[in-house]
C-alpha atoms as a PDB file:
ATOM      1  CA  MET A   1     107.924  69.661  79.050  1.00  0.00           C
ATOM      2  CA  LYS A   2     110.351  71.816  80.990  1.00  0.00           C
ATOM      3  CA  TYR A   3     108.786  75.184  81.718  1.00  0.00           C
ATOM      4  CA  GLN A   4     109.489  75.456  85.464  1.00  0.00           C
ATOM      5  CA  LYS A   5     112.597  77.595  84.880  1.00  0.00           C
ATOM      6  CA  LEU A   6     110.587  79.961  82.685  1.00  0.00           C
ATOM      7  CA  LEU A   7     107.894  80.269  85.365  1.00  0.00           C
ATOM      8  CA  SER A   8     110.450  80.976  88.113  1.00  0.00           C
ATOM      9  CA  GLU A   9     112.138  83.677  86.049  1.00  0.00           C
ATOM     10  CA  PHE A  10     108.764  85.202  85.211  1.00  0.00           C
ATOM     11  CA  GLU A  11     107.666  85.317  88.862  1.00  0.00           C
ATOM     12  CA  GLY A  12     110.956  86.962  89.825  1.00  0.00           C
ATOM     13  CA  GLN A  13     110.618  89.616  87.118  1.00  0.00           C
ATOM     14  CA  LEU A  14     107.049  90.413  88.165  1.00  0.00           C
ATOM     15  CA  GLU A  15     107.999  90.682  91.835  1.00  0.00           C
ATOM     16  CA  THR A  16     110.857  93.055  90.988  1.00  0.00           C
ATOM     17  CA  MET A  17     108.555  95.155  88.819  1.00  0.00           C
ATOM     18  CA  GLU A  18     105.788  95.302  91.444  1.00  0.00           C
ATOM     19  CA  SER A  19     108.197  96.364  94.213  1.00  0.00           C
ATOM     20  CA  GLY A  20     109.882  99.026  92.061  1.00  0.00           C
ATOM     21  CA  ASP A  21     109.069 102.679  91.503  1.00  0.00           C
ATOM     22  CA  GLY A  22     106.329 103.973  89.232  1.00  0.00           C
ATOM     23  CA  ASP A  23     102.607 104.586  89.416  1.00  0.00           C
ATOM     24  CA  ILE A  24      99.995 101.905  88.892  1.00  0.00           C
ATOM     25  CA  LEU A  25      99.507 102.677  85.180  1.00  0.00           C
ATOM     26  CA  PHE A  26     103.241 102.430  84.518  1.00  0.00           C
ATOM     27  CA  LYS A  27     103.403  99.093  86.340  1.00  0.00           C
ATOM     28  CA  ALA A  28     100.353  97.771  84.482  1.00  0.00           C
ATOM     29  CA  GLU A  29     101.923  98.643  81.105  1.00  0.00           C
ATOM     30  CA  LYS A  30     105.221  97.058  82.099  1.00  0.00           C
ATOM     31  CA  GLY A  31     103.368  94.016  83.456  1.00  0.00           C
ATOM     32  CA  ILE A  32     101.541  93.533  80.143  1.00  0.00           C
ATOM     33  CA  ALA A  33     104.844  93.577  78.238  1.00  0.00           C
ATOM     34  CA  LEU A  34     106.457  91.087  80.653  1.00  0.00           C
ATOM     35  CA  VAL A  35     103.530  88.658  80.491  1.00  0.00           C
ATOM     36  CA  GLU A  36     103.254  88.796  76.703  1.00  0.00           C
ATOM     37  CA  LYS A  37     106.962  88.026  76.397  1.00  0.00           C
ATOM     38  CA  CYS A  38     106.621  85.051  78.767  1.00  0.00           C
ATOM     39  CA  ILE A  39     103.548  83.691  76.972  1.00  0.00           C
ATOM     40  CA  ARG A  40     105.316  83.837  73.618  1.00  0.00           C
ATOM     41  CA  LYS A  41     108.228  81.819  75.019  1.00  0.00           C
ATOM     42  CA  LEU A  42     105.841  79.306  76.554  1.00  0.00           C
ATOM     43  CA  GLN A  43     103.892  79.084  73.321  1.00  0.00           C
ATOM     44  CA  LYS A  44     107.051  78.128  71.410  1.00  0.00           C
ATOM     45  CA  GLN A  45     107.673  75.274  73.863  1.00  0.00           C
ATOM     46  CA  ILE A  46     104.141  73.879  73.503  1.00  0.00           C
ATOM     47  CA  VAL A  47     103.009  74.394  69.895  1.00  0.00           C
ATOM     48  CA  GLY A  48     103.878  71.436  67.694  1.00  0.00           C
ATOM     49  CA  GLN A  49     104.831  69.302  70.694  1.00  0.00           C
ATOM     50  CA  ASP A  50     102.980  66.365  72.206  1.00  0.00           C
ATOM     51  CA  PHE A  51     102.608  65.949  75.945  1.00  0.00           C
ATOM     52  CA  GLU A  52     103.857  62.638  77.323  1.00  0.00           C
ATOM     53  CA  THR A  53     100.453  61.860  78.802  1.00  0.00           C
ATOM     54  CA  GLN A  54      96.985  63.342  78.691  1.00  0.00           C
ATOM     55  CA  ALA A  55      97.317  64.055  82.423  1.00  0.00           C
ATOM     56  CA  ASP A  56     100.331  66.265  81.650  1.00  0.00           C
ATOM     57  CA  GLU A  57      98.324  68.154  79.033  1.00  0.00           C
ATOM     58  CA  ILE A  58      95.419  68.679  81.445  1.00  0.00           C
ATOM     59  CA  TYR A  59      97.772  69.890  84.181  1.00  0.00           C
ATOM     60  CA  PHE A  60      99.413  72.390  81.835  1.00  0.00           C
ATOM     61  CA  PHE A  61      96.171  73.922  80.573  1.00  0.00           C
ATOM     62  CA  LYS A  62      94.380  73.791  83.921  1.00  0.00           C
ATOM     63  CA  HIS A  63      97.191  75.120  86.118  1.00  0.00           C
ATOM     64  CA  VAL A  64     100.332  76.314  84.311  1.00  0.00           C
ATOM     65  CA  LYS A  65      99.067  78.425  81.412  1.00  0.00           C
ATOM     66  CA  PRO A  66      96.271  80.111  83.428  1.00  0.00           C
ATOM     67  CA  GLN A  67      98.800  81.064  86.111  1.00  0.00           C
ATOM     68  CA  ILE A  68     100.607  83.235  83.544  1.00  0.00           C
ATOM     69  CA  PHE A  69      97.709  84.207  81.298  1.00  0.00           C
ATOM     70  CA  SER A  70      95.723  85.460  84.305  1.00  0.00           C
ATOM     71  CA  LYS A  71      98.411  88.100  84.868  1.00  0.00           C
ATOM     72  CA  LEU A  72      97.885  89.425  81.330  1.00  0.00           C
ATOM     73  CA  ILE A  73      94.140  89.745  81.900  1.00  0.00           C
ATOM     74  CA  TYR A  74      94.808  91.308  85.311  1.00  0.00           C
ATOM     75  CA  TYR A  75      97.146  94.023  84.027  1.00  0.00           C
ATOM     76  CA  ILE A  76      94.990  94.845  80.983  1.00  0.00           C
ATOM     77  CA  ARG A  77      91.882  95.197  83.163  1.00  0.00           C
ATOM     78  CA  LEU A  78      93.831  97.099  85.825  1.00  0.00           C
ATOM     79  CA  PHE A  79      95.129  99.599  83.265  1.00  0.00           C
ATOM     80  CA  SER A  80      91.629 100.121  81.887  1.00  0.00           C
ATOM     81  CA  ILE A  81      90.063 100.607  85.332  1.00  0.00           C
ATOM     82  CA  GLU A  82      92.761 102.911  86.689  1.00  0.00           C
ATOM     83  CA  SER A  83      92.991 105.041  83.531  1.00  0.00           C
ATOM     84  CA  LYS A  84      89.267 105.832  83.826  1.00  0.00           C
ATOM     85  CA  ARG A  85      89.284 106.291  87.606  1.00  0.00           C
ATOM     86  CA  PRO A  86      87.902 109.703  88.664  1.00  0.00           C
ATOM     87  CA  ARG A  87      90.504 111.989  90.235  1.00  0.00           C
ATOM     88  CA  GLY A  88      88.064 113.967  92.319  1.00  0.00           C
ATOM     89  CA  LYS A  89      86.629 113.334  95.760  1.00  0.00           C
ATOM     90  CA  ASP A  90      87.150 110.077  97.628  1.00  0.00           C
ATOM     91  CA  VAL A  91      83.383 109.425  97.610  1.00  0.00           C
ATOM     92  CA  ALA A  92      83.305 109.470  93.796  1.00  0.00           C
ATOM     93  CA  GLN A  93      86.296 107.139  93.614  1.00  0.00           C
ATOM     94  CA  VAL A  94      84.736 104.659  96.053  1.00  0.00           C
ATOM     95  CA  LYS A  95      81.524 104.625  94.007  1.00  0.00           C
ATOM     96  CA  TYR A  96      83.455 104.010  90.781  1.00  0.00           C
ATOM     97  CA  LEU A  97      85.633 101.248  92.262  1.00  0.00           C
ATOM     98  CA  GLN A  98      82.627  99.510  93.785  1.00  0.00           C
ATOM     99  CA  GLN A  99      80.928  99.527  90.379  1.00  0.00           C
ATOM    100  CA  GLN A 100      84.005  97.836  88.903  1.00  0.00           C
ATOM    101  CA  ILE A 101      83.902  95.167  91.630  1.00  0.00           C
ATOM    102  CA  ASP A 102      80.235  94.518  90.844  1.00  0.00           C
ATOM    103  CA  LYS A 103      81.049  94.098  87.128  1.00  0.00           C
ATOM    104  CA  LEU A 104      83.744  91.544  87.922  1.00  0.00           C
ATOM    105  CA  GLN A 105      81.387  89.640  90.219  1.00  0.00           C
ATOM    106  CA  THR A 106      78.888  89.467  87.345  1.00  0.00           C
ATOM    107  CA  PHE A 107      81.373  87.312  85.392  1.00  0.00           C
ATOM    108  CA  PHE A 108      81.315  84.699  88.169  1.00  0.00           C
ATOM    109  CA  ASN A 109      77.521  84.683  88.177  1.00  0.00           C
ATOM    110  CA  ASP A 110      77.346  84.380  84.375  1.00  0.00           C
ATOM    111  CA  ASN A 111      79.702  81.391  84.444  1.00  0.00           C
ATOM    112  CA  LEU A 112      78.443  79.864  87.677  1.00  0.00           C
ATOM    113  CA  GLU A 113      78.415  76.220  86.569  1.00  0.00           C
ATOM    114  CA  PHE A 114      82.071  76.186  85.506  1.00  0.00           C
ATOM    115  CA  TYR A 115      83.037  78.511  88.368  1.00  0.00           C
ATOM    116  CA  ASN A 116      81.676  75.999  90.898  1.00  0.00           C
ATOM    117  CA  TYR A 117      83.344  73.115  89.018  1.00  0.00           C
ATOM    118  CA  TYR A 118      86.736  74.833  89.205  1.00  0.00           C
ATOM    119  CA  ARG A 119      86.375  76.095  92.763  1.00  0.00           C
ATOM    120  CA  ARG A 120      85.526  72.707  94.240  1.00  0.00           C
ATOM    121  CA  GLY A 121      88.511  71.099  92.498  1.00  0.00           C
ATOM    122  CA  ALA A 122      86.379  68.799  90.359  1.00  0.00           C
ATOM    123  CA  MET A 123      88.068  66.654  87.691  1.00  0.00           C
ATOM    124  CA  SER A 124      85.264  64.734  85.966  1.00  0.00           C
ATOM    125  CA  MET A 125      85.141  67.086  82.934  1.00  0.00           C
ATOM    126  CA  ASP A 126      88.859  67.865  82.704  1.00  0.00           C
ATOM    127  CA  GLU A 127      89.285  65.826  79.511  1.00  0.00           C
ATOM    128  CA  GLN A 128      86.651  67.999  77.826  1.00  0.00           C
ATOM    129  CA  TYR A 129      87.766  71.285  79.336  1.00  0.00           C
ATOM    130  CA  PHE A 130      91.586  71.073  79.267  1.00  0.00           C
ATOM    131  CA  VAL A 131      92.595  68.912  76.294  1.00  0.00           C
ATOM    132  CA  ARG A 132      93.269  70.559  72.936  1.00  0.00           C
ATOM    133  CA  GLY A 133      90.764  70.028  70.153  1.00  0.00           C
ATOM    134  CA  ASN A 134      87.620  70.741  72.180  1.00  0.00           C
ATOM    135  CA  ARG A 135      87.316  74.483  71.563  1.00  0.00           C
ATOM    136  CA  ASP A 136      84.136  76.215  72.726  1.00  0.00           C
ATOM    137  CA  LEU A 137      82.998  79.054  70.459  1.00  0.00           C
ATOM    138  CA  ARG A 138      80.930  80.498  73.309  1.00  0.00           C
ATOM    139  CA  MET A 139      84.005  81.342  75.342  1.00  0.00           C
ATOM    140  CA  PRO A 140      83.205  84.307  77.621  1.00  0.00           C
ATOM    141  CA  LEU A 141      86.735  85.681  77.259  1.00  0.00           C
ATOM    142  CA  GLU A 142      87.499  88.271  74.577  1.00  0.00           C
ATOM    143  CA  SER A 143      89.806  86.971  71.865  1.00  0.00           C
ATOM    144  CA  PHE A 144      93.344  87.757  72.887  1.00  0.00           C
ATOM    145  CA  HIS A 145      95.628  86.924  69.994  1.00  0.00           C
ATOM    146  CA  PHE A 146      97.223  84.132  72.058  1.00  0.00           C
ATOM    147  CA  LEU A 147      93.937  82.207  71.884  1.00  0.00           C
ATOM    148  CA  ILE A 148      93.852  82.010  68.084  1.00  0.00           C
ATOM    149  CA  ASP A 149      96.300  79.070  68.047  1.00  0.00           C
ATOM    150  CA  ASP A 150      94.371  75.844  68.592  1.00  0.00           C
ATOM    151  CA  GLU A 151      97.591  74.133  69.680  1.00  0.00           C
ATOM    152  CA  PHE A 152      97.965  76.555  72.578  1.00  0.00           C
ATOM    153  CA  SER A 153      94.427  76.718  73.926  1.00  0.00           C
ATOM    154  CA  THR A 154      91.613  74.532  75.189  1.00  0.00           C
ATOM    155  CA  CYS A 155      87.940  74.924  75.905  1.00  0.00           C
ATOM    156  CA  GLN A 156      88.295  76.453  79.369  1.00  0.00           C
ATOM    157  CA  ASP A 157      91.896  77.421  80.174  1.00  0.00           C
ATOM    158  CA  GLY A 158      91.003  81.042  79.343  1.00  0.00           C
ATOM    159  CA  THR A 159      88.068  80.926  81.749  1.00  0.00           C
ATOM    160  CA  VAL A 160      90.312  79.651  84.556  1.00  0.00           C
ATOM    161  CA  ALA A 161      92.751  82.486  83.835  1.00  0.00           C
ATOM    162  CA  THR A 162      89.887  84.993  83.956  1.00  0.00           C
ATOM    163  CA  ILE A 163      88.682  83.658  87.312  1.00  0.00           C
ATOM    164  CA  MET A 164      92.204  83.993  88.733  1.00  0.00           C
ATOM    165  CA  ALA A 165      92.633  87.490  87.264  1.00  0.00           C
ATOM    166  CA  TYR A 166      89.305  88.739  88.559  1.00  0.00           C
ATOM    167  CA  ASP A 167      90.093  87.345  92.018  1.00  0.00           C
ATOM    168  CA  MET A 168      93.269  89.451  92.028  1.00  0.00           C
ATOM    169  CA  LEU A 169      91.457  92.518  90.721  1.00  0.00           C
ATOM    170  CA  ILE A 170      88.703  92.296  93.333  1.00  0.00           C
ATOM    171  CA  VAL A 171      91.316  92.020  96.083  1.00  0.00           C
ATOM    172  CA  TYR A 172      93.142  95.066  94.693  1.00  0.00           C
ATOM    173  CA  LEU A 173      89.971  97.127  94.292  1.00  0.00           C
ATOM    174  CA  ARG A 174      88.664  96.268  97.765  1.00  0.00           C
ATOM    175  CA  LYS A 175      91.953  97.392  99.278  1.00  0.00           C
ATOM    176  CA  GLU A 176      91.707 100.681  97.366  1.00  0.00           C
ATOM    177  CA  VAL A 177      88.138 101.144  98.646  1.00  0.00           C
ATOM    178  CA  ASP A 178      89.243 100.383 102.226  1.00  0.00           C
ATOM    179  CA  ASP A 179      92.081 102.910 101.970  1.00  0.00           C
ATOM    180  CA  LEU A 180      89.760 105.601 100.623  1.00  0.00           C
ATOM    181  CA  ASN A 181      87.160 104.916 103.323  1.00  0.00           C
ATOM    182  CA  ASN A 182      89.863 105.159 105.983  1.00  0.00           C
ATOM    183  CA  ASN A 183      90.937 108.521 104.547  1.00  0.00           C
ATOM    184  CA  MET A 184      87.398 109.787 105.024  1.00  0.00           C
ATOM    185  CA  GLU A 185      87.332 108.718 108.683  1.00  0.00           C
ATOM    186  CA  PRO A 186      88.702 110.992 111.432  1.00  0.00           C
ATOM    187  CA  THR A 187      92.371 110.170 111.968  1.00  0.00           C
ATOM    188  CA  LYS A 188      93.448 108.920 115.355  1.00  0.00           C
ATOM    189  CA  ASN A 189      96.343 110.792 116.907  1.00  0.00           C
ATOM    190  CA  THR A 190      98.441 107.818 117.977  1.00  0.00           C
ATOM    191  CA  PRO A 191     101.980 108.416 116.734  1.00  0.00           C
ATOM    192  CA  MET A 192     104.661 105.826 117.352  1.00  0.00           C
ATOM    193  CA  GLU A 193     107.160 106.928 119.990  1.00  0.00           C
ATOM    194  CA  LYS A 194     110.407 105.852 118.316  1.00  0.00           C
ATOM    195  CA  PRO A 195     111.210 104.202 115.005  1.00  0.00           C
ATOM    196  CA  SER A 196     112.247 100.571 115.232  1.00  0.00           C
ATOM    197  CA  LYS A 197     115.929  99.724 114.824  1.00  0.00           C
ATOM    198  CA  LEU A 198     115.086  96.343 113.294  1.00  0.00           C
ATOM    199  CA  PHE A 199     115.084  95.749 109.539  1.00  0.00           C
ATOM    200  CA  TRP A 200     113.525  92.856 107.632  1.00  0.00           C
ATOM    201  CA  THR A 201     116.272  91.517 105.383  1.00  0.00           C
ATOM    202  CA  GLY A 202     114.367  88.592 103.887  1.00  0.00           C
ATOM    203  CA  GLY A 203     111.968  88.756 100.967  1.00  0.00           C
ATOM    204  CA  LYS A 204     108.703  90.674 101.273  1.00  0.00           C
ATOM    205  CA  THR A 205     106.767  87.634 100.101  1.00  0.00           C
ATOM    206  CA  GLU A 206     108.280  85.633 102.977  1.00  0.00           C
ATOM    207  CA  LEU A 207     107.163  88.217 105.539  1.00  0.00           C
ATOM    208  CA  ILE A 208     103.677  88.312 104.040  1.00  0.00           C
ATOM    209  CA  GLU A 209     103.492  84.513 104.259  1.00  0.00           C
ATOM    210  CA  LEU A 210     104.410  84.780 107.959  1.00  0.00           C
ATOM    211  CA  LEU A 211     101.943  87.649 108.438  1.00  0.00           C
ATOM    212  CA  TYR A 212      99.002  85.640 107.102  1.00  0.00           C
ATOM    213  CA  ALA A 213     100.032  82.563 109.090  1.00  0.00           C
ATOM    214  CA  LEU A 214     100.003  84.558 112.331  1.00  0.00           C
ATOM    215  CA  HIS A 215      96.703  86.198 111.458  1.00  0.00           C
ATOM    216  CA  THR A 216      95.127  82.825 110.643  1.00  0.00           C
ATOM    217  CA  SER A 217      96.400  81.308 113.900  1.00  0.00           C
ATOM    218  CA  LYS A 218      94.468  83.946 115.912  1.00  0.00           C
ATOM    219  CA  CYS A 219      97.342  84.040 118.387  1.00  0.00           C
ATOM    220  CA  ILE A 220      97.463  87.854 118.410  1.00  0.00           C
ATOM    221  CA  ASN A 221      94.702  89.604 120.385  1.00  0.00           C
ATOM    222  CA  GLY A 222      92.724  86.380 120.267  1.00  0.00           C
ATOM    223  CA  GLY A 223      92.193  86.769 116.532  1.00  0.00           C
ATOM    224  CA  THR A 224      90.392  90.105 116.798  1.00  0.00           C
ATOM    225  CA  VAL A 225      93.106  92.121 115.014  1.00  0.00           C
ATOM    226  CA  ASP A 226      92.473  92.645 111.280  1.00  0.00           C
ATOM    227  CA  ILE A 227      95.062  91.920 108.609  1.00  0.00           C
ATOM    228  CA  LYS A 228      95.578  95.590 107.761  1.00  0.00           C
ATOM    229  CA  GLU A 229      96.447  96.550 111.339  1.00  0.00           C
ATOM    230  CA  LEU A 230      98.800  93.591 111.638  1.00  0.00           C
ATOM    231  CA  ALA A 231     100.494  94.473 108.346  1.00  0.00           C
ATOM    232  CA  SER A 232     100.984  98.092 109.493  1.00  0.00           C
ATOM    233  CA  HIS A 233     102.618  96.827 112.691  1.00  0.00           C
ATOM    234  CA  PHE A 234     105.001  94.603 110.711  1.00  0.00           C
ATOM    235  CA  GLU A 235     105.874  97.483 108.374  1.00  0.00           C
ATOM    236  CA  TYR A 236     106.654  99.810 111.286  1.00  0.00           C
ATOM    237  CA  PHE A 237     108.438  97.242 113.435  1.00  0.00           C
ATOM    238  CA  TYR A 238     110.663  95.925 110.627  1.00  0.00           C
ATOM    239  CA  ASN A 239     111.056  99.155 108.588  1.00  0.00           C
ATOM    240  CA  VAL A 240     109.630  97.593 105.442  1.00  0.00           C
ATOM    241  CA  ASP A 241     106.944  98.501 102.906  1.00  0.00           C
ATOM    242  CA  LEU A 242     104.884  95.389 102.203  1.00  0.00           C
ATOM    243  CA  GLY A 243     103.177  96.981  99.205  1.00  0.00           C
ATOM    244  CA  ASN A 244      99.978  95.302  98.033  1.00  0.00           C
ATOM    245  CA  TYR A 245     100.115  92.351 100.443  1.00  0.00           C
ATOM    246  CA  TYR A 246      96.589  91.286  99.466  1.00  0.00           C
ATOM    247  CA  HIS A 247      97.810  90.768  95.904  1.00  0.00           C
ATOM    248  CA  THR A 248     100.933  88.949  97.078  1.00  0.00           C
ATOM    249  CA  PHE A 249      98.795  86.582  99.160  1.00  0.00           C
ATOM    250  CA  ILE A 250      96.778  85.727  96.046  1.00  0.00           C
ATOM    251  CA  ASP A 251     100.065  84.803  94.340  1.00  0.00           C
ATOM    252  CA  ILE A 252     101.105  82.677  97.343  1.00  0.00           C
ATOM    253  CA  ARG A 253      97.742  80.920  97.274  1.00  0.00           C
ATOM    254  CA  SER A 254      98.097  80.126  93.556  1.00  0.00           C
ATOM    255  CA  ARG A 255     101.414  78.282  93.988  1.00  0.00           C
ATOM    256  CA  LYS A 256     101.190  74.730  92.716  1.00  0.00           C
ATOM    257  CA  SER A 257     104.233  73.451  94.584  1.00  0.00           C
ATOM    258  CA  SER A 258     104.625  74.241  98.280  1.00  0.00           C
ATOM    259  CA  ARG A 259     102.377  77.144  99.210  1.00  0.00           C
ATOM    260  CA  THR A 260     104.171  77.586 102.535  1.00  0.00           C
ATOM    261  CA  ARG A 261     107.779  77.708 101.321  1.00  0.00           C
ATOM    262  CA  PHE A 262     109.012  80.126 103.980  1.00  0.00           C
ATOM    263  CA  LEU A 263     107.189  78.454 106.869  1.00  0.00           C
ATOM    264  CA  ASP A 264     108.474  75.055 105.726  1.00  0.00           C
ATOM    265  CA  ARG A 265     112.023  76.423 105.669  1.00  0.00           C
ATOM    266  CA  LEU A 266     111.604  77.891 109.167  1.00  0.00           C
ATOM    267  CA  ILE A 267     110.550  74.486 110.498  1.00  0.00           C
ATOM    268  CA  GLU A 268     113.514  72.827 108.783  1.00  0.00           C
ATOM    269  CA  LEU A 269     116.030  75.376 110.128  1.00  0.00           C
ATOM    270  CA  LEU A 270     114.649  75.221 113.671  1.00  0.00           C
ATOM    271  CA  ASN A 271     114.792  71.427 113.679  1.00  0.00           C
ATOM    272  CA  GLN A 272     118.390  71.555 112.444  1.00  0.00           C
ATOM    273  CA  ARG A 273     119.276  73.969 115.221  1.00  0.00           C
ATOM    274  CA  MET A 274     117.741  71.796 117.925  1.00  0.00           C
ATOM    275  CA  GLU A 275     119.365  68.668 116.519  1.00  0.00           C
ATOM    276  CA  SER A 276     122.792  70.365 116.487  1.00  0.00           C
ATOM    277  CA  LEU A 277     122.403  71.228 120.193  1.00  0.00           C
ATOM    278  CA  GLU A 278     121.695  67.594 120.993  1.00  0.00           C
ATOM    279  CA  GLU A 279     124.915  66.355 119.414  1.00  0.00           C
END
């Protein structure tokens, strides 16, 4: 099955949409339309076709389909949450958002056995969970119309997608809560002296990958600086808006090929440079 090109195009379209103009509700609506279009294309490639091996089938339903389907769940839930979000005081918004986080956490608790199975990377039940023909009528996920087709769904691929989607939602909501809490705190009068003359000309995802690598290394302030402060420094220093970098990091983490594409390329380029000097 060749669906890698479709996935690459889909990721590029989502990244363009996320970095573009428009409020969160507009982006959620556009995201839903993009994901549905991608799922329909993927469905046409899979339905009526046999996988070469059972391992290929398990990989598709455990990793590939949930990677896309999770985005549909994410944008639908995001639209619902944001459309009902109170527009009053920050305190009321924080309370509402925290309630939404608690509801999402409840899903993990209600599906704890499978959640632990998936999180620890277990494989012993994959044949039951991710091979077609073993549908579970007790599926916790509401019936999206894509799940009606038995040839395009398994017992637990929808649950994996929900776990991934709720991870992204919790990250988004926690960032919103942090921003609101910071707004309620007294602002510190520490303006930057002069704007930087440097501009980041690579991709935002690449800079975010570098940002998290530096933060994880604890080589700045001995690891005491938080990710938000470091991100603000990068944005100011390189004249770039990193957007929802928490969300982007979730996407980086969900890559099934090289998670550290940019860092790997940096190593390769630096080695090439040093080797050229030795010639």
